[in-house]
Protein backbone atom coordinates (compact mmCIF):
# COMPACT_ATOMS: atom_id res chain seq x y z
CA UNK A 1 192.34 104.68 -71.51
CA UNK A 2 189.35 107.00 -71.37
CA UNK A 3 187.37 104.72 -73.66
CA UNK A 4 188.26 101.69 -71.58
CA UNK A 5 187.20 103.41 -68.37
CA UNK A 6 183.90 104.53 -69.88
CA UNK A 7 183.20 101.00 -71.15
CA UNK A 8 183.98 99.63 -67.72
CA UNK A 9 181.51 102.04 -66.15
CA UNK A 10 178.64 101.35 -68.59
CA UNK A 11 177.24 98.16 -66.92
CA UNK A 12 176.89 100.01 -63.60
CA UNK A 13 173.76 101.92 -64.70
CA UNK A 14 171.49 98.90 -65.25
CA UNK A 15 172.66 97.43 -61.96
CA UNK A 16 171.76 100.64 -60.15
CA UNK A 17 168.39 100.67 -61.88
CA UNK A 18 167.69 97.10 -60.86
CA UNK A 19 168.72 97.75 -57.29
CA UNK A 20 166.51 100.85 -57.14
CA UNK A 21 163.55 98.94 -58.55
CA UNK A 22 164.16 96.12 -56.08
CA UNK A 23 164.30 98.57 -53.18
CA UNK A 24 161.03 100.12 -54.30
CA UNK A 25 159.41 96.70 -54.59
CA UNK A 26 160.60 95.73 -51.10
CA UNK A 27 159.37 99.05 -49.73
CA UNK A 28 155.97 98.56 -51.37
CA UNK A 29 155.72 95.02 -50.01
CA UNK A 30 156.59 96.33 -46.57
CA UNK A 31 153.75 98.87 -46.76
CA UNK A 32 151.32 96.17 -47.82
CA UNK A 33 152.35 93.85 -44.98
CA UNK A 34 152.14 96.71 -42.48
CA UNK A 35 148.63 97.59 -43.62
CA UNK A 36 147.53 93.96 -43.42
CA UNK A 37 149.04 93.60 -39.95
CA UNK A 38 147.26 96.72 -38.71
CA UNK A 39 143.94 95.49 -40.07
CA UNK A 40 144.43 92.10 -38.44
CA UNK A 41 145.33 93.76 -35.13
CA UNK A 42 142.09 95.74 -35.34
CA UNK A 43 139.94 92.83 -36.52
CA UNK A 44 140.73 90.35 -33.74
CA UNK A 45 139.71 92.45 -30.69
CA UNK A 46 136.68 93.94 -32.46
CA UNK A 47 135.50 90.50 -33.51
CA UNK A 48 135.96 88.97 -30.05
CA UNK A 49 134.28 91.86 -28.23
CA UNK A 50 131.35 92.08 -30.65
CA UNK A 51 130.63 88.36 -30.61
CA UNK A 52 131.07 88.10 -26.85
CA UNK A 53 128.63 90.98 -26.28
CA UNK A 54 126.12 89.32 -28.61
CA UNK A 55 126.34 86.08 -26.64
CA UNK A 56 125.94 87.95 -23.36
CA UNK A 57 122.87 89.80 -24.62
CA UNK A 58 121.35 86.52 -25.76
CA UNK A 59 121.77 85.05 -22.29
CA UNK A 60 120.27 88.14 -20.64
CA UNK A 61 117.34 88.30 -23.05
CA UNK A 62 116.02 84.85 -22.20
CA UNK A 63 115.65 83.91 -25.89
CA UNK A 64 115.61 80.19 -26.50
CA UNK A 65 114.95 77.84 -29.41
CA UNK A 66 112.41 76.08 -27.18
CA UNK A 67 110.29 79.24 -27.04
CA UNK A 68 110.36 79.47 -30.84
CA UNK A 69 109.67 75.81 -31.52
CA UNK A 70 107.27 74.96 -28.68
CA UNK A 71 105.57 78.30 -28.04
CA UNK A 72 104.98 80.19 -24.83
CA UNK A 73 102.89 77.39 -23.28
CA UNK A 74 105.74 74.87 -23.28
CA UNK A 75 106.43 73.04 -20.03
CA UNK A 76 109.74 73.52 -18.21
CA UNK A 77 110.66 69.91 -18.92
CA UNK A 78 110.11 70.34 -22.67
CA UNK A 79 112.10 73.58 -22.68
CA UNK A 80 114.99 71.94 -20.84
CA UNK A 81 114.96 69.00 -23.28
CA UNK A 82 115.13 71.27 -26.37
CA UNK A 83 117.82 73.49 -24.85
CA UNK A 84 119.89 70.41 -24.05
CA UNK A 85 119.60 69.32 -27.69
CA UNK A 86 121.04 72.69 -28.74
CA UNK A 87 123.76 72.57 -26.09
CA UNK A 88 122.40 75.56 -24.19
CA UNK A 89 122.59 73.76 -20.85
CA UNK A 90 126.38 74.04 -20.88
CA UNK A 91 128.33 76.93 -19.32
CA UNK A 92 128.29 80.18 -21.28
CA UNK A 93 132.05 80.29 -21.95
CA UNK A 94 132.00 76.70 -23.19
CA UNK A 95 129.22 77.55 -25.64
CA UNK A 96 131.10 80.64 -26.80
CA UNK A 97 134.34 78.71 -27.25
CA UNK A 98 132.64 76.00 -29.30
CA UNK A 99 130.92 78.60 -31.49
CA UNK A 100 134.16 80.51 -32.12
CA UNK A 101 135.84 77.26 -33.08
CA UNK A 102 133.09 76.56 -35.59
CA UNK A 103 133.35 80.06 -37.05
CA UNK A 104 137.08 79.62 -37.63
CA UNK A 105 136.18 76.54 -39.68
CA UNK A 106 133.50 78.40 -41.63
CA UNK A 107 130.56 76.98 -39.67
CA UNK A 108 128.02 79.48 -38.32
CA UNK A 109 125.67 76.93 -36.78
CA UNK A 110 122.03 76.09 -37.48
CA UNK A 111 118.95 78.30 -37.44
CA UNK A 112 116.66 78.07 -34.45
CA UNK A 113 113.57 78.55 -36.62
CA UNK A 114 114.04 75.84 -39.25
CA UNK A 115 117.34 74.08 -38.44
CA UNK A 116 118.89 75.11 -41.77
CA UNK A 117 122.61 75.80 -42.08
CA UNK A 118 123.16 79.53 -41.45
CA UNK A 119 126.20 79.73 -43.72
CA UNK A 120 124.04 78.52 -46.62
CA UNK A 121 121.21 80.95 -45.82
CA UNK A 122 123.57 83.90 -45.54
CA UNK A 123 125.36 82.90 -48.73
CA UNK A 124 122.10 82.96 -50.69
CA UNK A 125 121.16 86.42 -49.47
CA UNK A 126 124.68 87.82 -49.54
CA UNK A 127 125.08 87.10 -53.24
CA UNK A 128 122.06 89.29 -54.00
CA UNK A 129 123.14 92.13 -51.72
CA UNK A 130 126.75 92.09 -52.89
CA UNK A 131 125.58 92.35 -56.51
CA UNK A 132 123.44 95.39 -55.77
CA UNK A 133 125.98 97.00 -53.43
CA UNK A 134 128.87 96.54 -55.88
CA UNK A 135 126.96 98.15 -58.73
CA UNK A 136 125.77 100.93 -56.40
CA UNK A 137 129.36 101.58 -55.33
CA UNK A 138 130.57 101.67 -58.94
CA UNK A 139 127.83 104.12 -59.91
CA UNK A 140 128.48 106.23 -56.83
CA UNK A 141 132.24 106.37 -57.34
CA UNK A 142 132.09 107.18 -61.05
CA UNK A 143 129.38 109.82 -60.72
CA UNK A 144 130.83 111.24 -57.51
CA UNK A 145 134.34 111.54 -58.94
CA UNK A 146 133.00 113.17 -62.11
CA UNK A 147 130.88 115.71 -60.22
CA UNK A 148 133.53 116.44 -57.59
CA UNK A 149 136.25 116.94 -60.22
CA UNK A 150 133.97 119.17 -62.33
CA UNK A 151 133.08 121.32 -59.33
CA UNK A 152 136.74 121.66 -58.31
CA UNK A 153 137.92 122.58 -61.80
CA UNK A 154 135.11 125.15 -62.15
CA UNK A 155 135.22 126.34 -58.54
CA UNK A 156 133.36 129.58 -57.67
CA UNK A 157 131.45 129.41 -60.98
CA UNK A 158 127.80 128.58 -61.61
CA UNK A 159 128.83 125.03 -62.46
CA UNK A 160 130.34 124.62 -59.00
CA UNK A 161 127.19 125.99 -57.37
CA UNK A 162 124.96 123.76 -59.50
CA UNK A 163 126.93 120.63 -58.62
CA UNK A 164 126.94 121.56 -54.93
CA UNK A 165 123.19 122.11 -54.96
CA UNK A 166 122.56 118.85 -56.80
CA UNK A 167 124.59 116.69 -54.40
CA UNK A 168 122.95 118.43 -51.45
CA UNK A 169 119.50 117.52 -52.76
CA UNK A 170 120.30 113.87 -53.49
CA UNK A 171 122.04 113.44 -50.13
CA UNK A 172 118.77 114.04 -48.26
CA UNK A 173 116.63 111.80 -50.47
CA UNK A 174 115.86 108.46 -48.74
CA UNK A 175 116.75 105.41 -50.79
CA UNK A 176 113.27 103.90 -50.42
CA UNK A 177 111.65 107.06 -51.83
CA UNK A 178 114.01 107.05 -54.79
CA UNK A 179 113.32 103.34 -55.26
CA UNK A 180 109.55 103.86 -55.37
CA UNK A 181 109.93 106.67 -57.93
CA UNK A 182 112.25 104.55 -60.08
CA UNK A 183 109.82 101.62 -60.03
CA UNK A 184 106.85 103.84 -60.88
CA UNK A 185 108.58 105.71 -63.72
CA UNK A 186 111.19 103.41 -65.26
CA UNK A 187 109.70 99.98 -64.50
CA UNK A 188 105.91 100.39 -64.49
CA UNK A 189 105.57 103.54 -66.58
CA UNK A 190 108.19 103.04 -69.29
CA UNK A 191 108.84 99.33 -68.90
CA UNK A 192 112.61 99.76 -69.25
CA UNK A 193 113.49 97.61 -66.23
CA UNK A 194 111.83 94.79 -64.27
CA UNK A 195 110.02 96.08 -61.21
CA UNK A 196 111.06 93.25 -58.86
CA UNK A 197 112.92 89.98 -58.56
CA UNK A 198 116.47 88.80 -59.05
CA UNK A 199 118.27 86.76 -61.70
CA UNK A 200 121.56 84.96 -61.08
CA UNK A 201 124.53 86.08 -63.23
CA UNK A 202 124.77 82.54 -64.58
CA UNK A 203 121.42 83.01 -66.29
CA UNK A 204 122.74 85.94 -68.30
CA UNK A 205 124.60 89.17 -67.58
CA UNK A 206 121.94 91.27 -69.29
CA UNK A 207 118.98 90.05 -67.20
CA UNK A 208 121.15 90.16 -64.06
CA UNK A 209 122.09 93.81 -64.65
CA UNK A 210 118.51 94.70 -65.55
CA UNK A 211 117.23 93.40 -62.19
CA UNK A 212 119.88 95.07 -60.01
CA UNK A 213 120.18 98.44 -61.79
CA UNK A 214 117.21 100.23 -60.18
CA UNK A 215 117.99 99.17 -56.58
CA UNK A 216 121.65 100.00 -57.17
CA UNK A 217 120.78 103.49 -58.43
CA UNK A 218 118.51 104.05 -55.43
CA UNK A 219 121.34 103.10 -53.04
CA UNK A 220 124.09 104.96 -54.91
CA UNK A 221 122.88 108.53 -54.36
CA UNK A 222 124.36 108.80 -50.88
CA UNK A 223 127.72 107.55 -52.20
CA UNK A 224 127.59 110.05 -55.07
CA UNK A 225 126.98 112.93 -52.68
CA UNK A 226 129.68 111.95 -50.17
CA UNK A 227 132.36 111.25 -52.79
CA UNK A 228 131.59 114.44 -54.75
CA UNK A 229 131.71 116.67 -51.66
CA UNK A 230 134.89 115.12 -50.28
CA UNK A 231 136.68 115.15 -53.62
CA UNK A 232 135.72 118.73 -54.41
CA UNK A 233 136.93 119.96 -51.01
CA UNK A 234 140.21 118.04 -51.16
CA UNK A 235 140.97 119.10 -54.74
CA UNK A 236 140.30 122.76 -53.99
CA UNK A 237 142.58 122.49 -50.95
CA UNK A 238 145.27 120.79 -53.06
CA UNK A 239 145.20 123.64 -55.60
CA UNK A 240 146.15 126.03 -52.79
CA UNK A 241 149.27 124.10 -51.79
CA UNK A 242 152.76 125.42 -52.45
CA UNK A 243 153.74 122.51 -54.71
CA UNK A 244 150.99 123.53 -57.16
CA UNK A 245 152.28 127.09 -57.17
CA UNK A 246 155.77 125.78 -57.82
CA UNK A 247 154.50 123.65 -60.69
CA UNK A 248 152.82 126.68 -62.24
CA UNK A 249 156.03 128.67 -61.93
CA UNK A 250 157.95 125.88 -63.67
CA UNK A 251 155.53 126.13 -66.57
CA UNK A 252 153.83 122.74 -66.26
CA UNK A 253 150.57 122.36 -68.18
CA UNK A 254 147.26 122.48 -66.25
CA UNK A 255 146.54 118.88 -67.27
CA UNK A 256 149.86 117.63 -65.91
CA UNK A 257 149.46 119.64 -62.70
CA UNK A 258 146.00 118.19 -62.14
CA UNK A 259 146.80 114.53 -62.75
CA UNK A 260 150.33 114.48 -61.32
CA UNK A 261 149.94 116.69 -58.26
CA UNK A 262 146.40 117.79 -57.46
CA UNK A 263 144.39 114.62 -58.10
CA UNK A 264 146.87 112.26 -56.50
CA UNK A 265 147.12 114.35 -53.34
CA UNK A 266 143.38 115.04 -53.21
CA UNK A 267 142.21 111.44 -53.57
CA UNK A 268 142.86 110.51 -49.95
CA UNK A 269 139.73 111.92 -48.22
CA UNK A 270 137.44 110.76 -51.04
CA UNK A 271 138.83 107.22 -50.92
CA UNK A 272 138.68 107.18 -47.13
CA UNK A 273 134.93 107.86 -47.25
CA UNK A 274 134.49 104.58 -49.12
CA UNK A 275 135.91 102.59 -46.21
CA UNK A 276 132.51 102.02 -44.61
CA UNK A 277 130.30 102.69 -47.62
CA UNK A 278 130.33 99.22 -49.13
CA UNK A 279 129.44 97.32 -45.94
CA UNK A 280 126.82 99.94 -45.09
CA UNK A 281 125.29 99.53 -48.54
CA UNK A 282 125.00 95.80 -47.93
CA UNK A 283 123.46 96.24 -44.50
CA UNK A 284 121.28 99.28 -45.19
CA UNK A 285 119.40 97.77 -48.11
CA UNK A 286 116.55 96.24 -46.07
CA UNK A 287 113.83 98.64 -47.24
CA UNK A 288 115.17 98.71 -50.78
CA UNK A 289 115.12 94.92 -50.92
CA UNK A 290 111.49 94.94 -49.81
CA UNK A 291 110.58 97.44 -52.53
CA UNK A 292 112.28 95.47 -55.29
CA UNK A 293 111.34 92.02 -53.99
CA UNK A 294 114.92 90.92 -53.29
CA UNK A 295 115.79 88.22 -50.75
CA UNK A 296 119.09 89.76 -49.76
CA UNK A 297 121.42 89.88 -46.78
CA UNK A 298 119.73 92.88 -45.18
CA UNK A 299 116.29 91.31 -45.39
CA UNK A 300 117.62 88.06 -43.93
CA UNK A 301 119.17 89.97 -41.03
CA UNK A 302 115.92 91.82 -40.37
CA UNK A 303 113.82 88.65 -40.49
CA UNK A 304 116.25 86.83 -38.19
CA UNK A 305 116.20 89.61 -35.61
CA UNK A 306 112.42 89.84 -35.60
CA UNK A 307 112.02 86.09 -35.15
CA UNK A 308 114.58 85.92 -32.33
CA UNK A 309 116.85 83.58 -34.30
CA UNK A 310 120.01 84.30 -32.30
CA UNK A 311 122.43 82.01 -34.23
CA UNK A 312 121.36 83.68 -37.48
CA UNK A 313 121.88 87.15 -35.98
CA UNK A 314 125.32 86.08 -34.76
CA UNK A 315 126.14 84.82 -38.25
CA UNK A 316 125.06 88.15 -39.73
CA UNK A 317 127.31 89.92 -37.23
CA UNK A 318 130.32 87.79 -38.19
CA UNK A 319 129.82 88.38 -41.91
CA UNK A 320 129.31 92.11 -41.35
CA UNK A 321 132.56 92.41 -39.41
CA UNK A 322 134.43 90.52 -42.12
CA UNK A 323 132.97 92.79 -44.81
CA UNK A 324 133.94 95.93 -42.92
CA UNK A 325 137.50 94.76 -42.26
CA UNK A 326 138.03 93.38 -45.77
CA UNK A 327 136.78 96.48 -47.56
CA UNK A 328 138.72 98.82 -45.28
CA UNK A 329 141.82 96.74 -45.97
CA UNK A 330 141.31 97.20 -49.71
CA UNK A 331 140.80 100.95 -49.28
CA UNK A 332 143.91 101.26 -47.09
CA UNK A 333 145.99 99.37 -49.64
CA UNK A 334 144.77 101.67 -52.40
CA UNK A 335 145.50 104.72 -50.24
CA UNK A 336 149.00 103.47 -49.51
CA UNK A 337 149.61 103.00 -53.23
CA UNK A 338 147.98 106.13 -54.63
CA UNK A 339 148.35 108.97 -52.16
CA UNK A 340 151.80 110.27 -51.25
CA UNK A 341 150.66 111.20 -47.73
CA UNK A 342 149.73 107.61 -46.99
CA UNK A 343 153.06 106.42 -48.31
CA UNK A 344 154.79 108.64 -45.79
CA UNK A 345 152.56 107.29 -43.01
CA UNK A 346 150.84 110.64 -42.45
């Protein structure tokens, strides 16, 4: 009878395991959906307010495609004719509603300066900037995590002080100064990298990486400094928590304590700093793109603003908002998966 009862109970374990795994999967899916819903709830009002304010400022500024195309000496009749062609003689809210409808269909309008499709122009520049920004983020994350972890593991030693001093120095170095030095030394002096220009990835990964490495390094220093400082502070704080003391008392190895408890709990602040880093890298690369001769997103935004090309500026704004929301969504999803505090909703 005992054997029969034990055999009857044996299939219950796999069923419990499957049910537990299913519950965890449903819980994880629920966290993902909650994060996506929160991001969407934030995106919609920010997008509407930002675009509406941009439209209002355009109306108050008096900017017009007629002024760009016909010059300051244009007659009122000619100005009215050009503005009617662009639909600017309609009520403001009607113009805004039509533009929003086009954006939802992926249409950002036409440029006032040359009549070209703004989505196409932004796409050309965005590919360059995303390439540089992605590599800069990878370099910044890898170097920052290595330096921050090293400083935390060797806290209060000369290594910790050296790392802290190094990240302090690179954090105050402007990207354009670093870019000029890199061009002078590595490109012109040693000939290791091209000094300017851009090559599409389809023409070869090697040439593509060679052209984006120097601008990416110049932009990555700020990311390295921020990630290293945040990670070092959070890891040192994690080592002081009671759960680390309990792990030491239980006799766990330092390696297991670090990877299982300290690193996982200390990743949150470092990952959170990346939320705005990627979009800011894309948008803050104007000077760097000038130095390295890149026709990127930042340079396009600067040229559009200086020429008074309002539809292009509005298109840049839309893409920037999407980049910020999308990257923050990715970071929040990673936080919800990696850090226990995020999983508890803290």
